[in-house]
Amino acid sequence: ECRCWLAPRCRRSPSARSCPADEGTGHTKLVAMADTVQYLLEEMIPELEDLNRRGIFTKAELRGIVKKRSNFEYSLKRRHRLRQDYLDYVQYEQALDRLRRLRIKSLKDEEARTGSSDHAMSRRIHFIFERALRRFKNDLQLWV
């Protein structure tokens, strides 16, 4: 039985060496793309846990953030990426960082005001811009 992500629909015979989804469909590329996105999302776990522990975002809000970030990451991993995809992602992260800073100001507990997630969003924005510049090297609007 096939163990690929297409398992419910996979038609691999027990004697076949590979999944038919691998043959000419880009199945392995999709798996690699999903693995990359999953890795990037897993890297966010400590930051998200810190934001929840400090009471800045609720679990429901964090689920929405993860869903939105995963959609952005998949759009950046597709074959035909657009410059606007990167800019939309940066704009979302900047708005999220502004909201985080507003909520931190309203916290009464001084210890909850500082945490490991304080610089994570600015690092992420920088990382998104680096990837955009690698993809669109000659785009002067990204450099400015």
N, C-alpha and C. Protein backbone atom coordinates (compact mmCIF):
# COMPACT_ATOMS: atom_id res chain seq x y z
N GLU A 1 0.85 -1.19 0.00
CA GLU A 1 0.00 0.00 0.00
C GLU A 1 0.89 1.25 0.00
N CYS A 2 0.47 2.23 -0.76
CA CYS A 2 1.24 3.46 -0.88
C CYS A 2 1.08 4.32 0.37
N ARG A 3 2.16 4.98 0.77
CA ARG A 3 2.12 5.85 1.94
C ARG A 3 2.27 7.32 1.54
N CYS A 4 2.07 7.63 0.30
CA CYS A 4 2.22 9.02 -0.14
C CYS A 4 1.02 9.85 0.31
N TRP A 5 1.12 11.14 0.11
CA TRP A 5 0.05 12.03 0.54
C TRP A 5 -1.22 11.83 -0.28
N LEU A 6 -1.12 11.12 -1.40
CA LEU A 6 -2.28 10.82 -2.22
C LEU A 6 -2.90 9.47 -1.85
N ALA A 7 -2.47 8.89 -0.73
CA ALA A 7 -2.82 7.51 -0.36
C ALA A 7 -4.28 7.15 -0.58
N PRO A 8 -5.26 7.97 -0.20
CA PRO A 8 -6.64 7.55 -0.44
C PRO A 8 -6.98 7.39 -1.93
N ARG A 9 -6.28 8.14 -2.79
CA ARG A 9 -6.59 8.09 -4.22
C ARG A 9 -5.50 7.39 -5.03
N CYS A 10 -4.43 6.97 -4.37
CA CYS A 10 -3.29 6.40 -5.07
C CYS A 10 -3.63 5.03 -5.64
N ARG A 11 -3.13 4.77 -6.85
CA ARG A 11 -3.42 3.50 -7.52
C ARG A 11 -2.15 2.66 -7.66
N ARG A 12 -1.25 2.79 -6.74
CA ARG A 12 0.01 2.06 -6.81
C ARG A 12 -0.25 0.58 -6.54
N SER A 13 0.29 -0.24 -7.40
CA SER A 13 0.16 -1.69 -7.18
C SER A 13 1.26 -2.13 -6.22
N PRO A 14 1.05 -3.21 -5.51
CA PRO A 14 2.07 -3.67 -4.55
C PRO A 14 3.41 -3.98 -5.21
N SER A 15 3.43 -4.34 -6.48
CA SER A 15 4.68 -4.67 -7.15
C SER A 15 5.40 -3.45 -7.73
N ALA A 16 4.74 -2.31 -7.76
CA ALA A 16 5.34 -1.10 -8.34
C ALA A 16 6.42 -0.55 -7.42
N ARG A 17 7.47 -0.02 -8.02
CA ARG A 17 8.57 0.54 -7.23
C ARG A 17 8.25 1.93 -6.68
N SER A 18 7.49 2.68 -7.43
CA SER A 18 7.20 4.05 -7.00
C SER A 18 5.72 4.34 -7.19
N CYS A 19 5.32 5.40 -6.61
CA CYS A 19 3.94 5.84 -6.69
C CYS A 19 3.68 6.40 -8.08
N PRO A 20 2.55 6.09 -8.72
CA PRO A 20 2.26 6.66 -10.04
C PRO A 20 2.13 8.18 -9.99
N ALA A 21 1.89 8.71 -8.80
CA ALA A 21 1.79 10.15 -8.69
C ALA A 21 3.14 10.81 -8.93
N ASP A 22 4.23 10.04 -8.75
CA ASP A 22 5.57 10.59 -8.97
C ASP A 22 5.89 10.76 -10.45
N GLU A 23 5.24 10.01 -11.30
CA GLU A 23 5.61 9.94 -12.71
C GLU A 23 5.02 11.09 -13.50
N GLY A 24 5.81 12.11 -13.72
CA GLY A 24 5.43 13.21 -14.58
C GLY A 24 4.46 14.22 -13.99
N THR A 25 4.08 14.07 -12.75
CA THR A 25 3.11 15.01 -12.19
C THR A 25 3.73 16.01 -11.24
N GLY A 26 5.00 15.85 -10.94
CA GLY A 26 5.62 16.76 -9.99
C GLY A 26 5.30 16.42 -8.56
N HIS A 27 4.86 15.19 -8.30
CA HIS A 27 4.49 14.76 -6.94
C HIS A 27 5.64 14.99 -5.97
N THR A 28 6.85 14.63 -6.36
CA THR A 28 7.98 14.79 -5.45
C THR A 28 8.27 16.25 -5.19
N LYS A 29 8.06 17.10 -6.18
CA LYS A 29 8.26 18.54 -5.97
C LYS A 29 7.22 19.09 -5.00
N LEU A 30 5.98 18.61 -5.11
CA LEU A 30 4.94 19.06 -4.19
C LEU A 30 5.26 18.64 -2.77
N VAL A 31 5.78 17.43 -2.61
CA VAL A 31 6.13 16.95 -1.29
C VAL A 31 7.28 17.79 -0.73
N ALA A 32 8.27 18.08 -1.56
CA ALA A 32 9.39 18.91 -1.11
C ALA A 32 8.91 20.30 -0.73
N MET A 33 7.99 20.85 -1.51
CA MET A 33 7.45 22.16 -1.21
C MET A 33 6.70 22.14 0.12
N ALA A 34 5.90 21.11 0.33
CA ALA A 34 5.15 21.00 1.57
C ALA A 34 6.09 20.82 2.76
N ASP A 35 7.17 20.06 2.57
CA ASP A 35 8.15 19.88 3.64
C ASP A 35 8.82 21.19 4.01
N THR A 36 9.15 21.98 3.01
CA THR A 36 9.78 23.27 3.26
C THR A 36 8.85 24.20 4.03
N VAL A 37 7.61 24.27 3.59
CA VAL A 37 6.63 25.12 4.28
C VAL A 37 6.41 24.62 5.70
N GLN A 38 6.32 23.31 5.86
CA GLN A 38 6.13 22.75 7.20
C GLN A 38 7.30 23.09 8.11
N TYR A 39 8.52 23.01 7.58
CA TYR A 39 9.70 23.36 8.36
C TYR A 39 9.65 24.82 8.80
N LEU A 40 9.30 25.72 7.87
CA LEU A 40 9.23 27.15 8.21
C LEU A 40 8.16 27.41 9.26
N LEU A 41 7.04 26.69 9.18
CA LEU A 41 5.98 26.86 10.17
C LEU A 41 6.40 26.31 11.54
N GLU A 42 7.13 25.22 11.53
CA GLU A 42 7.61 24.65 12.79
C GLU A 42 8.61 25.56 13.48
N GLU A 43 9.36 26.32 12.69
CA GLU A 43 10.31 27.26 13.26
C GLU A 43 9.60 28.39 14.02
N MET A 44 8.34 28.61 13.73
CA MET A 44 7.57 29.67 14.37
C MET A 44 6.98 29.25 15.72
N ILE A 45 7.03 27.99 16.05
CA ILE A 45 6.36 27.48 17.25
C ILE A 45 6.83 28.17 18.53
N PRO A 46 8.13 28.32 18.79
CA PRO A 46 8.52 29.00 20.04
C PRO A 46 7.99 30.42 20.14
N GLU A 47 8.01 31.14 19.02
CA GLU A 47 7.48 32.51 19.01
C GLU A 47 5.99 32.53 19.32
N LEU A 48 5.24 31.63 18.69
CA LEU A 48 3.80 31.59 18.90
C LEU A 48 3.45 31.18 20.33
N GLU A 49 4.20 30.24 20.87
CA GLU A 49 3.97 29.84 22.26
C GLU A 49 4.24 30.99 23.21
N ASP A 50 5.28 31.76 22.92
CA ASP A 50 5.61 32.92 23.76
C ASP A 50 4.50 33.97 23.69
N LEU A 51 3.98 34.22 22.50
CA LEU A 51 2.90 35.19 22.34
C LEU A 51 1.64 34.75 23.09
N ASN A 52 1.38 33.46 23.11
CA ASN A 52 0.22 32.95 23.83
C ASN A 52 0.46 33.00 25.34
N ARG A 53 1.65 32.61 25.78
CA ARG A 53 1.97 32.60 27.20
C ARG A 53 1.88 34.00 27.80
N ARG A 54 2.31 34.99 27.05
CA ARG A 54 2.29 36.36 27.53
C ARG A 54 0.91 37.00 27.42
N GLY A 55 -0.03 36.34 26.76
CA GLY A 55 -1.38 36.85 26.65
C GLY A 55 -1.57 37.91 25.57
N ILE A 56 -0.68 37.94 24.62
CA ILE A 56 -0.77 38.94 23.55
C ILE A 56 -1.79 38.49 22.50
N PHE A 57 -1.77 37.20 22.16
CA PHE A 57 -2.73 36.63 21.22
C PHE A 57 -3.37 35.40 21.85
N THR A 58 -4.63 35.18 21.51
CA THR A 58 -5.33 33.98 21.97
C THR A 58 -4.97 32.81 21.06
N LYS A 59 -5.34 31.60 21.47
CA LYS A 59 -5.07 30.43 20.64
C LYS A 59 -5.81 30.50 19.31
N ALA A 60 -7.03 31.02 19.33
CA ALA A 60 -7.80 31.15 18.10
C ALA A 60 -7.12 32.14 17.14
N GLU A 61 -6.62 33.24 17.68
CA GLU A 61 -5.91 34.21 16.85
C GLU A 61 -4.62 33.61 16.29
N LEU A 62 -3.93 32.83 17.10
CA LEU A 62 -2.70 32.19 16.64
C LEU A 62 -2.98 31.18 15.54
N ARG A 63 -4.10 30.46 15.64
CA ARG A 63 -4.47 29.54 14.56
C ARG A 63 -4.68 30.30 13.26
N GLY A 64 -5.33 31.45 13.35
CA GLY A 64 -5.54 32.28 12.16
C GLY A 64 -4.23 32.79 11.59
N ILE A 65 -3.31 33.16 12.47
CA ILE A 65 -1.98 33.63 12.04
C ILE A 65 -1.24 32.51 11.31
N VAL A 66 -1.27 31.30 11.88
CA VAL A 66 -0.59 30.17 11.26
C VAL A 66 -1.21 29.85 9.90
N LYS A 67 -2.52 29.89 9.81
CA LYS A 67 -3.20 29.61 8.54
C LYS A 67 -2.82 30.65 7.49
N LYS A 68 -2.81 31.91 7.88
CA LYS A 68 -2.46 32.98 6.95
C LYS A 68 -1.00 32.86 6.51
N ARG A 69 -0.11 32.59 7.47
CA ARG A 69 1.31 32.45 7.13
C ARG A 69 1.54 31.25 6.23
N SER A 70 0.86 30.15 6.48
CA SER A 70 1.05 28.98 5.62
C SER A 70 0.56 29.27 4.20
N ASN A 71 -0.54 30.00 4.07
CA ASN A 71 -1.00 30.39 2.73
C ASN A 71 0.02 31.26 2.03
N PHE A 72 0.60 32.21 2.76
CA PHE A 72 1.64 33.05 2.16
C PHE A 72 2.86 32.23 1.77
N GLU A 73 3.29 31.32 2.64
CA GLU A 73 4.46 30.51 2.35
C GLU A 73 4.23 29.63 1.12
N TYR A 74 3.05 29.05 1.00
CA TYR A 74 2.76 28.25 -0.19
C TYR A 74 2.75 29.13 -1.44
N SER A 75 2.26 30.35 -1.33
CA SER A 75 2.28 31.23 -2.51
C SER A 75 3.70 31.60 -2.90
N LEU A 76 4.61 31.65 -1.92
CA LEU A 76 6.01 31.96 -2.24
C LEU A 76 6.77 30.75 -2.76
N LYS A 77 6.22 29.56 -2.58
CA LYS A 77 6.89 28.35 -3.05
C LYS A 77 6.36 27.84 -4.38
N ARG A 78 5.29 28.43 -4.89
CA ARG A 78 4.76 27.95 -6.16
C ARG A 78 5.69 28.32 -7.31
N ARG A 79 5.44 27.73 -8.43
CA ARG A 79 6.33 27.90 -9.59
C ARG A 79 6.36 29.35 -10.10
N HIS A 80 5.21 29.97 -10.21
CA HIS A 80 5.13 31.33 -10.74
C HIS A 80 4.88 32.33 -9.60
N ARG A 81 5.95 32.64 -8.89
CA ARG A 81 5.83 33.59 -7.79
C ARG A 81 5.80 35.00 -8.36
N LEU A 82 5.07 35.85 -7.69
CA LEU A 82 4.98 37.25 -8.10
C LEU A 82 5.62 38.12 -7.03
N ARG A 83 6.10 39.25 -7.47
CA ARG A 83 6.68 40.21 -6.52
C ARG A 83 5.62 40.65 -5.52
N GLN A 84 4.38 40.75 -5.98
CA GLN A 84 3.30 41.18 -5.11
C GLN A 84 3.03 40.17 -3.98
N ASP A 85 3.29 38.89 -4.23
CA ASP A 85 3.13 37.88 -3.17
C ASP A 85 4.05 38.20 -1.99
N TYR A 86 5.28 38.54 -2.29
CA TYR A 86 6.24 38.89 -1.25
C TYR A 86 5.81 40.17 -0.52
N LEU A 87 5.39 41.16 -1.30
CA LEU A 87 4.99 42.43 -0.70
C LEU A 87 3.74 42.28 0.17
N ASP A 88 2.81 41.45 -0.26
CA ASP A 88 1.61 41.21 0.55
C ASP A 88 1.96 40.54 1.87
N TYR A 89 2.89 39.59 1.81
CA TYR A 89 3.32 38.89 3.01
C TYR A 89 4.01 39.85 3.98
N VAL A 90 4.86 40.71 3.46
CA VAL A 90 5.55 41.69 4.30
C VAL A 90 4.54 42.65 4.91
N GLN A 91 3.59 43.09 4.13
CA GLN A 91 2.56 44.01 4.63
C GLN A 91 1.76 43.36 5.75
N TYR A 92 1.41 42.09 5.60
CA TYR A 92 0.68 41.37 6.64
C TYR A 92 1.52 41.28 7.92
N GLU A 93 2.79 40.93 7.78
CA GLU A 93 3.66 40.79 8.95
C GLU A 93 3.87 42.14 9.64
N GLN A 94 3.97 43.21 8.87
CA GLN A 94 4.12 44.53 9.49
C GLN A 94 2.87 44.93 10.27
N ALA A 95 1.69 44.64 9.72
CA ALA A 95 0.44 44.94 10.43
C ALA A 95 0.34 44.09 11.70
N LEU A 96 0.75 42.84 11.61
CA LEU A 96 0.74 41.97 12.78
C LEU A 96 1.71 42.46 13.85
N ASP A 97 2.86 42.95 13.43
CA ASP A 97 3.84 43.48 14.39
C ASP A 97 3.30 44.75 15.06
N ARG A 98 2.61 45.60 14.31
CA ARG A 98 2.01 46.79 14.92
C ARG A 98 0.96 46.41 15.96
N LEU A 99 0.15 45.41 15.63
CA LEU A 99 -0.86 44.94 16.57
C LEU A 99 -0.21 44.35 17.82
N ARG A 100 0.86 43.59 17.64
CA ARG A 100 1.58 43.02 18.77
C ARG A 100 2.12 44.11 19.68
N ARG A 101 2.71 45.15 19.07
CA ARG A 101 3.25 46.26 19.88
C ARG A 101 2.16 47.01 20.64
N LEU A 102 1.00 47.20 20.01
CA LEU A 102 -0.12 47.85 20.69
C LEU A 102 -0.59 47.04 21.89
N ARG A 103 -0.68 45.74 21.70
CA ARG A 103 -1.14 44.89 22.79
C ARG A 103 -0.11 44.79 23.91
N ILE A 104 1.15 44.85 23.57
CA ILE A 104 2.19 44.83 24.61
C ILE A 104 2.11 46.09 25.46
N LYS A 105 1.83 47.23 24.83
CA LYS A 105 1.70 48.48 25.59
C LYS A 105 0.56 48.42 26.59
N SER A 106 -0.49 47.67 26.26
CA SER A 106 -1.64 47.60 27.16
C SER A 106 -1.46 46.59 28.29
N LEU A 107 -0.39 45.80 28.24
CA LEU A 107 -0.16 44.82 29.31
C LEU A 107 0.23 45.52 30.60
N LYS A 108 -0.32 45.05 31.70
CA LYS A 108 -0.02 45.65 33.00
C LYS A 108 1.18 44.99 33.66
N ASP A 109 1.39 43.70 33.38
CA ASP A 109 2.49 42.96 33.96
C ASP A 109 3.79 43.32 33.24
N GLU A 110 4.75 43.87 33.96
CA GLU A 110 6.02 44.29 33.36
C GLU A 110 6.80 43.10 32.81
N GLU A 111 6.73 41.95 33.48
CA GLU A 111 7.46 40.77 33.02
C GLU A 111 6.90 40.25 31.70
N ALA A 112 5.62 40.44 31.46
CA ALA A 112 5.00 39.97 30.22
C ALA A 112 5.32 40.88 29.04
N ARG A 113 5.91 42.01 29.30
CA ARG A 113 6.21 42.95 28.21
C ARG A 113 7.39 42.52 27.37
N THR A 114 8.30 41.74 27.92
CA THR A 114 9.46 41.29 27.15
C THR A 114 9.43 39.78 27.03
N GLY A 115 9.87 39.30 25.89
CA GLY A 115 9.88 37.87 25.65
C GLY A 115 10.70 37.52 24.44
N SER A 116 10.78 36.23 24.18
CA SER A 116 11.62 35.75 23.08
C SER A 116 11.03 36.09 21.71
N SER A 117 9.77 36.45 21.66
CA SER A 117 9.13 36.72 20.37
C SER A 117 9.25 38.18 19.93
N ASP A 118 9.90 39.01 20.73
CA ASP A 118 9.94 40.43 20.43
C ASP A 118 10.61 40.76 19.10
N HIS A 119 11.65 40.03 18.75
CA HIS A 119 12.37 40.34 17.51
C HIS A 119 12.07 39.35 16.39
N ALA A 120 11.22 38.39 16.66
CA ALA A 120 10.95 37.35 15.66
C ALA A 120 10.25 37.91 14.42
N MET A 121 9.33 38.84 14.62
CA MET A 121 8.60 39.37 13.46
C MET A 121 9.49 40.22 12.57
N SER A 122 10.35 41.03 13.17
CA SER A 122 11.26 41.83 12.34
C SER A 122 12.25 40.93 11.61
N ARG A 123 12.70 39.84 12.25
CA ARG A 123 13.57 38.88 11.57
C ARG A 123 12.83 38.22 10.41
N ARG A 124 11.55 37.89 10.61
CA ARG A 124 10.77 37.26 9.56
C ARG A 124 10.58 38.21 8.38
N ILE A 125 10.29 39.47 8.65
CA ILE A 125 10.12 40.46 7.58
C ILE A 125 11.42 40.58 6.79
N HIS A 126 12.53 40.61 7.50
CA HIS A 126 13.84 40.69 6.84
C HIS A 126 14.08 39.43 5.98
N PHE A 127 13.71 38.28 6.50
CA PHE A 127 13.87 37.02 5.77
C PHE A 127 13.02 37.01 4.50
N ILE A 128 11.81 37.53 4.58
CA ILE A 128 10.93 37.58 3.40
C ILE A 128 11.54 38.51 2.34
N PHE A 129 12.05 39.66 2.79
CA PHE A 129 12.69 40.58 1.84
C PHE A 129 13.93 39.95 1.21
N GLU A 130 14.72 39.21 1.98
CA GLU A 130 15.89 38.53 1.41
C GLU A 130 15.49 37.56 0.32
N ARG A 131 14.43 36.79 0.58
CA ARG A 131 13.96 35.84 -0.44
C ARG A 131 13.45 36.57 -1.67
N ALA A 132 12.76 37.70 -1.48
CA ALA A 132 12.27 38.48 -2.61
C ALA A 132 13.43 39.01 -3.44
N LEU A 133 14.47 39.48 -2.77
CA LEU A 133 15.62 40.02 -3.49
C LEU A 133 16.40 38.94 -4.23
N ARG A 134 16.44 37.74 -3.67
CA ARG A 134 17.09 36.64 -4.38
C ARG A 134 16.30 36.26 -5.63
N ARG A 135 14.98 36.34 -5.54
CA ARG A 135 14.12 35.96 -6.66
C ARG A 135 14.08 37.06 -7.73
N PHE A 136 13.98 38.30 -7.30
CA PHE A 136 13.87 39.44 -8.22
C PHE A 136 15.08 40.36 -8.04
N LYS A 137 16.22 39.90 -8.50
CA LYS A 137 17.48 40.62 -8.28
C LYS A 137 17.52 41.99 -8.94
N ASN A 138 16.87 42.12 -10.07
CA ASN A 138 16.96 43.36 -10.84
C ASN A 138 15.81 44.32 -10.59
N ASP A 139 14.97 44.03 -9.65
CA ASP A 139 13.82 44.88 -9.37
C ASP A 139 14.23 46.01 -8.40
N LEU A 140 14.36 47.20 -8.93
CA LEU A 140 14.84 48.33 -8.11
C LEU A 140 13.84 48.74 -7.04
N GLN A 141 12.55 48.52 -7.27
CA GLN A 141 11.55 48.90 -6.26
C GLN A 141 11.72 48.09 -4.98
N LEU A 142 12.18 46.88 -5.08
CA LEU A 142 12.43 46.06 -3.88
C LEU A 142 13.65 46.56 -3.11
N TRP A 143 14.62 47.08 -3.83
CA TRP A 143 15.84 47.55 -3.19
C TRP A 143 15.64 48.86 -2.47
N VAL A 144 14.65 49.64 -2.89
CA VAL A 144 14.45 50.96 -2.30
C VAL A 144 13.58 50.91 -1.11
